[in-house]
Amino acid sequence: MTIETMAREFRYDGLRLPDPNAKLSVDEVRTAFSATYPEIATAAVTGPEAVGNKLVYHFTKAIGTKG
């Protein structure tokens, strides 16, 4: 029997975002990506979902109303 570590992948708005560092927590990854995608800072995180040999996390935009 062999043990294989599953890679993480993050998805946002149809984009596949690679894991910047496997040692970072999901919240730290969110902070890292929020520099490029500011909406991720307030996005909800769902997952992980096992897809093939990857664990996939989804960043979903927060939907709200102004005013």
PDB file of N, CA and C in Angstrom:
ATOM      1  N   MET A   1       0.847  -1.166   0.000  1.00  0.00           N
ATOM      2  CA  MET A   1       0.000   0.000   0.000  1.00  0.00           C
ATOM      3  C   MET A   1       0.898   1.236   0.000  1.00  0.00           C
ATOM      4  N   THR A   2       0.527   2.211  -0.824  1.00  0.00           N
ATOM      5  CA  THR A   2       1.263   3.472  -0.854  1.00  0.00           C
ATOM      6  C   THR A   2       0.333   4.610  -0.465  1.00  0.00           C
ATOM      7  N   ILE A   3       0.914   5.589   0.180  1.00  0.00           N
ATOM      8  CA  ILE A   3       0.148   6.768   0.596  1.00  0.00           C
ATOM      9  C   ILE A   3       0.583   7.921  -0.289  1.00  0.00           C
ATOM     10  N   GLU A   4      -0.389   8.553  -0.923  1.00  0.00           N
ATOM     11  CA  GLU A   4      -0.105   9.672  -1.818  1.00  0.00           C
ATOM     12  C   GLU A   4      -0.824  10.904  -1.306  1.00  0.00           C
ATOM     13  N   THR A   5      -0.101  12.001  -1.223  1.00  0.00           N
ATOM     14  CA  THR A   5      -0.692  13.263  -0.797  1.00  0.00           C
ATOM     15  C   THR A   5      -1.420  13.891  -1.977  1.00  0.00           C
ATOM     16  N   MET A   6      -2.643  14.319  -1.736  1.00  0.00           N
ATOM     17  CA  MET A   6      -3.431  14.942  -2.800  1.00  0.00           C
ATOM     18  C   MET A   6      -3.082  16.425  -2.887  1.00  0.00           C
ATOM     19  N   ALA A   7      -2.881  16.897  -4.094  1.00  0.00           N
ATOM     20  CA  ALA A   7      -2.590  18.313  -4.322  1.00  0.00           C
ATOM     21  C   ALA A   7      -3.871  19.123  -4.155  1.00  0.00           C
ATOM     22  N   ARG A   8      -3.726  20.384  -3.785  1.00  0.00           N
ATOM     23  CA  ARG A   8      -4.879  21.264  -3.660  1.00  0.00           C
ATOM     24  C   ARG A   8      -4.981  22.138  -4.906  1.00  0.00           C
ATOM     25  N   GLU A   9      -6.214  22.458  -5.251  1.00  0.00           N
ATOM     26  CA  GLU A   9      -6.481  23.388  -6.347  1.00  0.00           C
ATOM     27  C   GLU A   9      -7.601  24.300  -5.889  1.00  0.00           C
ATOM     28  N   PHE A  10      -7.507  25.552  -6.273  1.00  0.00           N
ATOM     29  CA  PHE A  10      -8.519  26.527  -5.890  1.00  0.00           C
ATOM     30  C   PHE A  10      -9.186  27.042  -7.152  1.00  0.00           C
ATOM     31  N   ARG A  11     -10.491  27.217  -7.089  1.00  0.00           N
ATOM     32  CA  ARG A  11     -11.235  27.703  -8.258  1.00  0.00           C
ATOM     33  C   ARG A  11     -12.031  28.936  -7.864  1.00  0.00           C
ATOM     34  N   TYR A  12     -12.007  29.883  -8.802  1.00  0.00           N
ATOM     35  CA  TYR A  12     -12.735  31.130  -8.576  1.00  0.00           C
ATOM     36  C   TYR A  12     -13.230  31.666  -9.906  1.00  0.00           C
ATOM     37  N   ASP A  13     -14.504  31.856 -10.031  1.00  0.00           N
ATOM     38  CA  ASP A  13     -15.118  32.491 -11.199  1.00  0.00           C
ATOM     39  C   ASP A  13     -14.663  31.830 -12.513  1.00  0.00           C
ATOM     40  N   GLY A  14     -14.638  30.503 -12.519  1.00  0.00           N
ATOM     41  CA  GLY A  14     -14.265  29.762 -13.715  1.00  0.00           C
ATOM     42  C   GLY A  14     -12.767  29.595 -13.916  1.00  0.00           C
ATOM     43  N   LEU A  15     -11.956  30.155 -13.016  1.00  0.00           N
ATOM     44  CA  LEU A  15     -10.500  30.050 -13.114  1.00  0.00           C
ATOM     45  C   LEU A  15      -9.974  28.957 -12.197  1.00  0.00           C
ATOM     46  N   ARG A  16      -8.949  28.273 -12.653  1.00  0.00           N
ATOM     47  CA  ARG A  16      -8.253  27.306 -11.806  1.00  0.00           C
ATOM     48  C   ARG A  16      -7.003  27.978 -11.282  1.00  0.00           C
ATOM     49  N   LEU A  17      -6.911  28.087  -9.972  1.00  0.00           N
ATOM     50  CA  LEU A  17      -5.785  28.756  -9.342  1.00  0.00           C
ATOM     51  C   LEU A  17      -4.910  27.707  -8.660  1.00  0.00           C
ATOM     52  N   PRO A  18      -3.610  27.675  -8.961  1.00  0.00           N
ATOM     53  CA  PRO A  18      -2.735  26.689  -8.345  1.00  0.00           C
ATOM     54  C   PRO A  18      -2.502  27.005  -6.872  1.00  0.00           C
ATOM     55  N   ASP A  19      -2.122  26.008  -6.125  1.00  0.00           N
ATOM     56  CA  ASP A  19      -1.819  26.178  -4.714  1.00  0.00           C
ATOM     57  C   ASP A  19      -0.483  26.917  -4.604  1.00  0.00           C
ATOM     58  N   PRO A  20      -0.469  28.128  -4.016  1.00  0.00           N
ATOM     59  CA  PRO A  20       0.785  28.872  -3.934  1.00  0.00           C
ATOM     60  C   PRO A  20       1.808  28.229  -2.997  1.00  0.00           C
ATOM     61  N   ASN A  21       1.332  27.538  -1.983  1.00  0.00           N
ATOM     62  CA  ASN A  21       2.229  26.884  -1.027  1.00  0.00           C
ATOM     63  C   ASN A  21       1.397  25.885  -0.235  1.00  0.00           C
ATOM     64  N   ALA A  22       1.765  24.628  -0.286  1.00  0.00           N
ATOM     65  CA  ALA A  22       1.002  23.576   0.387  1.00  0.00           C
ATOM     66  C   ALA A  22       0.994  23.731   1.903  1.00  0.00           C
ATOM     67  N   LYS A  23       1.926  24.507   2.443  1.00  0.00           N
ATOM     68  CA  LYS A  23       2.006  24.695   3.893  1.00  0.00           C
ATOM     69  C   LYS A  23       1.047  25.764   4.404  1.00  0.00           C
ATOM     70  N   LEU A  24       0.469  26.561   3.492  1.00  0.00           N
ATOM     71  CA  LEU A  24      -0.463  27.613   3.888  1.00  0.00           C
ATOM     72  C   LEU A  24      -1.840  27.039   4.181  1.00  0.00           C
ATOM     73  N   SER A  25      -2.542  27.636   5.140  1.00  0.00           N
ATOM     74  CA  SER A  25      -3.930  27.261   5.392  1.00  0.00           C
ATOM     75  C   SER A  25      -4.798  27.831   4.274  1.00  0.00           C
ATOM     76  N   VAL A  26      -6.032  27.389   4.196  1.00  0.00           N
ATOM     77  CA  VAL A  26      -6.948  27.881   3.170  1.00  0.00           C
ATOM     78  C   VAL A  26      -7.172  29.388   3.343  1.00  0.00           C
ATOM     79  N   ASP A  27      -7.263  29.868   4.561  1.00  0.00           N
ATOM     80  CA  ASP A  27      -7.441  31.306   4.791  1.00  0.00           C
ATOM     81  C   ASP A  27      -6.213  32.101   4.354  1.00  0.00           C
ATOM     82  N   GLU A  28      -5.024  31.537   4.548  1.00  0.00           N
ATOM     83  CA  GLU A  28      -3.811  32.217   4.103  1.00  0.00           C
ATOM     84  C   GLU A  28      -3.726  32.252   2.576  1.00  0.00           C
ATOM     85  N   VAL A  29      -4.208  31.188   1.927  1.00  0.00           N
ATOM     86  CA  VAL A  29      -4.260  31.162   0.460  1.00  0.00           C
ATOM     87  C   VAL A  29      -5.241  32.226  -0.030  1.00  0.00           C
ATOM     88  N   ARG A  30      -6.378  32.345   0.652  1.00  0.00           N
ATOM     89  CA  ARG A  30      -7.363  33.371   0.283  1.00  0.00           C
ATOM     90  C   ARG A  30      -6.729  34.759   0.354  1.00  0.00           C
ATOM     91  N   THR A  31      -5.984  35.023   1.409  1.00  0.00           N
ATOM     92  CA  THR A  31      -5.318  36.310   1.559  1.00  0.00           C
ATOM     93  C   THR A  31      -4.310  36.543   0.436  1.00  0.00           C
ATOM     94  N   ALA A  32      -3.570  35.503   0.077  1.00  0.00           N
ATOM     95  CA  ALA A  32      -2.581  35.625  -0.999  1.00  0.00           C
ATOM     96  C   ALA A  32      -3.252  35.951  -2.335  1.00  0.00           C
ATOM     97  N   PHE A  33      -4.346  35.273  -2.646  1.00  0.00           N
ATOM     98  CA  PHE A  33      -5.037  35.507  -3.922  1.00  0.00           C
ATOM     99  C   PHE A  33      -5.831  36.807  -3.928  1.00  0.00           C
ATOM    100  N   SER A  34      -6.175  37.346  -2.761  1.00  0.00           N
ATOM    101  CA  SER A  34      -6.970  38.574  -2.726  1.00  0.00           C
ATOM    102  C   SER A  34      -6.178  39.781  -3.233  1.00  0.00           C
ATOM    103  N   ALA A  35      -4.855  39.665  -3.305  1.00  0.00           N
ATOM    104  CA  ALA A  35      -4.054  40.745  -3.881  1.00  0.00           C
ATOM    105  C   ALA A  35      -4.339  40.874  -5.379  1.00  0.00           C
ATOM    106  N   THR A  36      -4.561  39.741  -6.041  1.00  0.00           N
ATOM    107  CA  THR A  36      -4.855  39.734  -7.475  1.00  0.00           C
ATOM    108  C   THR A  36      -6.349  39.820  -7.746  1.00  0.00           C
ATOM    109  N   TYR A  37      -7.137  39.134  -6.922  1.00  0.00           N
ATOM    110  CA  TYR A  37      -8.596  39.085  -7.069  1.00  0.00           C
ATOM    111  C   TYR A  37      -9.219  39.608  -5.771  1.00  0.00           C
ATOM    112  N   PRO A  38      -9.446  40.921  -5.642  1.00  0.00           N
ATOM    113  CA  PRO A  38      -9.940  41.494  -4.374  1.00  0.00           C
ATOM    114  C   PRO A  38     -11.245  40.897  -3.870  1.00  0.00           C
ATOM    115  N   GLU A  39     -12.102  40.397  -4.785  1.00  0.00           N
ATOM    116  CA  GLU A  39     -13.384  39.826  -4.378  1.00  0.00           C
ATOM    117  C   GLU A  39     -13.209  38.572  -3.527  1.00  0.00           C
ATOM    118  N   ILE A  40     -12.067  37.905  -3.640  1.00  0.00           N
ATOM    119  CA  ILE A  40     -11.823  36.676  -2.881  1.00  0.00           C
ATOM    120  C   ILE A  40     -11.752  36.959  -1.386  1.00  0.00           C
ATOM    121  N   ALA A  41     -11.373  38.170  -1.009  1.00  0.00           N
ATOM    122  CA  ALA A  41     -11.252  38.520   0.410  1.00  0.00           C
ATOM    123  C   ALA A  41     -12.557  38.302   1.169  1.00  0.00           C
ATOM    124  N   THR A  42     -13.698  38.509   0.499  1.00  0.00           N
ATOM    125  CA  THR A  42     -14.991  38.339   1.160  1.00  0.00           C
ATOM    126  C   THR A  42     -15.753  37.122   0.640  1.00  0.00           C
ATOM    127  N   ALA A  43     -15.114  36.327  -0.204  1.00  0.00           N
ATOM    128  CA  ALA A  43     -15.784  35.166  -0.798  1.00  0.00           C
ATOM    129  C   ALA A  43     -15.925  34.037   0.217  1.00  0.00           C
ATOM    130  N   ALA A  44     -16.952  33.239   0.015  1.00  0.00           N
ATOM    131  CA  ALA A  44     -17.144  32.038   0.832  1.00  0.00           C
ATOM    132  C   ALA A  44     -16.275  30.927   0.250  1.00  0.00           C
ATOM    133  N   VAL A  45     -15.763  30.068   1.127  1.00  0.00           N
ATOM    134  CA  VAL A  45     -14.938  28.944   0.688  1.00  0.00           C
ATOM    135  C   VAL A  45     -15.723  27.664   0.900  1.00  0.00           C
ATOM    136  N   THR A  46     -15.834  26.857  -0.152  1.00  0.00           N
ATOM    137  CA  THR A  46     -16.472  25.547  -0.033  1.00  0.00           C
ATOM    138  C   THR A  46     -15.453  24.492  -0.422  1.00  0.00           C
ATOM    139  N   GLY A  47     -15.610  23.339   0.151  1.00  0.00           N
ATOM    140  CA  GLY A  47     -14.712  22.236  -0.166  1.00  0.00           C
ATOM    141  C   GLY A  47     -13.960  21.799   1.063  1.00  0.00           C
ATOM    142  N   PRO A  48     -13.107  20.866   0.924  1.00  0.00           N
ATOM    143  CA  PRO A  48     -12.567  20.345  -0.326  1.00  0.00           C
ATOM    144  C   PRO A  48     -13.454  19.266  -0.942  1.00  0.00           C
ATOM    145  N   GLU A  49     -13.350  19.178  -2.245  1.00  0.00           N
ATOM    146  CA  GLU A  49     -14.049  18.172  -3.025  1.00  0.00           C
ATOM    147  C   GLU A  49     -12.965  17.375  -3.750  1.00  0.00           C
ATOM    148  N   ALA A  50     -12.972  16.064  -3.597  1.00  0.00           N
ATOM    149  CA  ALA A  50     -11.977  15.224  -4.259  1.00  0.00           C
ATOM    150  C   ALA A  50     -12.340  15.074  -5.730  1.00  0.00           C
ATOM    151  N   VAL A  51     -11.452  15.559  -6.601  1.00  0.00           N
ATOM    152  CA  VAL A  51     -11.633  15.457  -8.045  1.00  0.00           C
ATOM    153  C   VAL A  51     -10.349  14.845  -8.599  1.00  0.00           C
ATOM    154  N   GLY A  52     -10.437  13.591  -8.985  1.00  0.00           N
ATOM    155  CA  GLY A  52      -9.235  12.898  -9.446  1.00  0.00           C
ATOM    156  C   GLY A  52      -8.247  12.771  -8.301  1.00  0.00           C
ATOM    157  N   ASN A  53      -7.046  13.280  -8.498  1.00  0.00           N
ATOM    158  CA  ASN A  53      -6.040  13.224  -7.438  1.00  0.00           C
ATOM    159  C   ASN A  53      -5.831  14.586  -6.783  1.00  0.00           C
ATOM    160  N   LYS A  54      -6.850  15.471  -6.862  1.00  0.00           N
ATOM    161  CA  LYS A  54      -6.753  16.802  -6.283  1.00  0.00           C
ATOM    162  C   LYS A  54      -7.890  17.062  -5.308  1.00  0.00           C
ATOM    163  N   LEU A  55      -7.608  17.914  -4.346  1.00  0.00           N
ATOM    164  CA  LEU A  55      -8.637  18.428  -3.455  1.00  0.00           C
ATOM    165  C   LEU A  55      -8.971  19.823  -3.961  1.00  0.00           C
ATOM    166  N   VAL A  56     -10.212  20.033  -4.369  1.00  0.00           N
ATOM    167  CA  VAL A  56     -10.608  21.292  -4.990  1.00  0.00           C
ATOM    168  C   VAL A  56     -11.430  22.122  -4.005  1.00  0.00           C
ATOM    169  N   TYR A  57     -10.992  23.373  -3.829  1.00  0.00           N
ATOM    170  CA  TYR A  57     -11.711  24.344  -3.012  1.00  0.00           C
ATOM    171  C   TYR A  57     -12.286  25.396  -3.955  1.00  0.00           C
ATOM    172  N   HIS A  58     -13.494  25.872  -3.652  1.00  0.00           N
ATOM    173  CA  HIS A  58     -14.145  26.883  -4.480  1.00  0.00           C
ATOM    174  C   HIS A  58     -14.314  28.166  -3.679  1.00  0.00           C
ATOM    175  N   PHE A  59     -13.920  29.275  -4.287  1.00  0.00           N
ATOM    176  CA  PHE A  59     -14.193  30.594  -3.729  1.00  0.00           C
ATOM    177  C   PHE A  59     -15.432  31.109  -4.434  1.00  0.00           C
ATOM    178  N   THR A  60     -16.480  31.423  -3.666  1.00  0.00           N
ATOM    179  CA  THR A  60     -17.739  31.880  -4.234  1.00  0.00           C
ATOM    180  C   THR A  60     -17.985  33.317  -3.788  1.00  0.00           C
ATOM    181  N   LYS A  61     -18.274  34.179  -4.748  1.00  0.00           N
ATOM    182  CA  LYS A  61     -18.523  35.594  -4.456  1.00  0.00           C
ATOM    183  C   LYS A  61     -19.674  35.745  -3.471  1.00  0.00           C
ATOM    184  N   ALA A  62     -19.525  36.678  -2.561  1.00  0.00           N
ATOM    185  CA  ALA A  62     -20.608  37.012  -1.646  1.00  0.00           C
ATOM    186  C   ALA A  62     -21.609  37.860  -2.410  1.00  0.00           C
ATOM    187  N   ILE A  63     -22.860  37.450  -2.403  1.00  0.00           N
ATOM    188  CA  ILE A  63     -23.907  38.177  -3.127  1.00  0.00           C
ATOM    189  C   ILE A  63     -24.724  38.957  -2.109  1.00  0.00           C
ATOM    190  N   GLY A  64     -24.834  40.223  -2.344  1.00  0.00           N
ATOM    191  CA  GLY A  64     -25.594  41.060  -1.430  1.00  0.00           C
ATOM    192  C   GLY A  64     -26.145  42.270  -2.155  1.00  0.00           C
ATOM    193  N   THR A  65     -26.864  43.080  -1.404  1.00  0.00           N
ATOM    194  CA  THR A  65     -27.416  44.300  -1.994  1.00  0.00           C
ATOM    195  C   THR A  65     -26.807  45.507  -1.327  1.00  0.00           C
ATOM    196  N   LYS A  66     -26.680  46.561  -2.075  1.00  0.00           N
ATOM    197  CA  LYS A  66     -26.172  47.811  -1.513  1.00  0.00           C
ATOM    198  C   LYS A  66     -27.351  48.613  -0.995  1.00  0.00           C
ATOM    199  N   GLY A  67     -27.050  49.404   0.004  1.00  0.00           N
ATOM    200  CA  GLY A  67     -28.074  50.334   0.461  1.00  0.00           C
ATOM    201  C   GLY A  67     -28.688  49.888   1.664  1.00  0.00           C
TER     202      GLY A  67
END
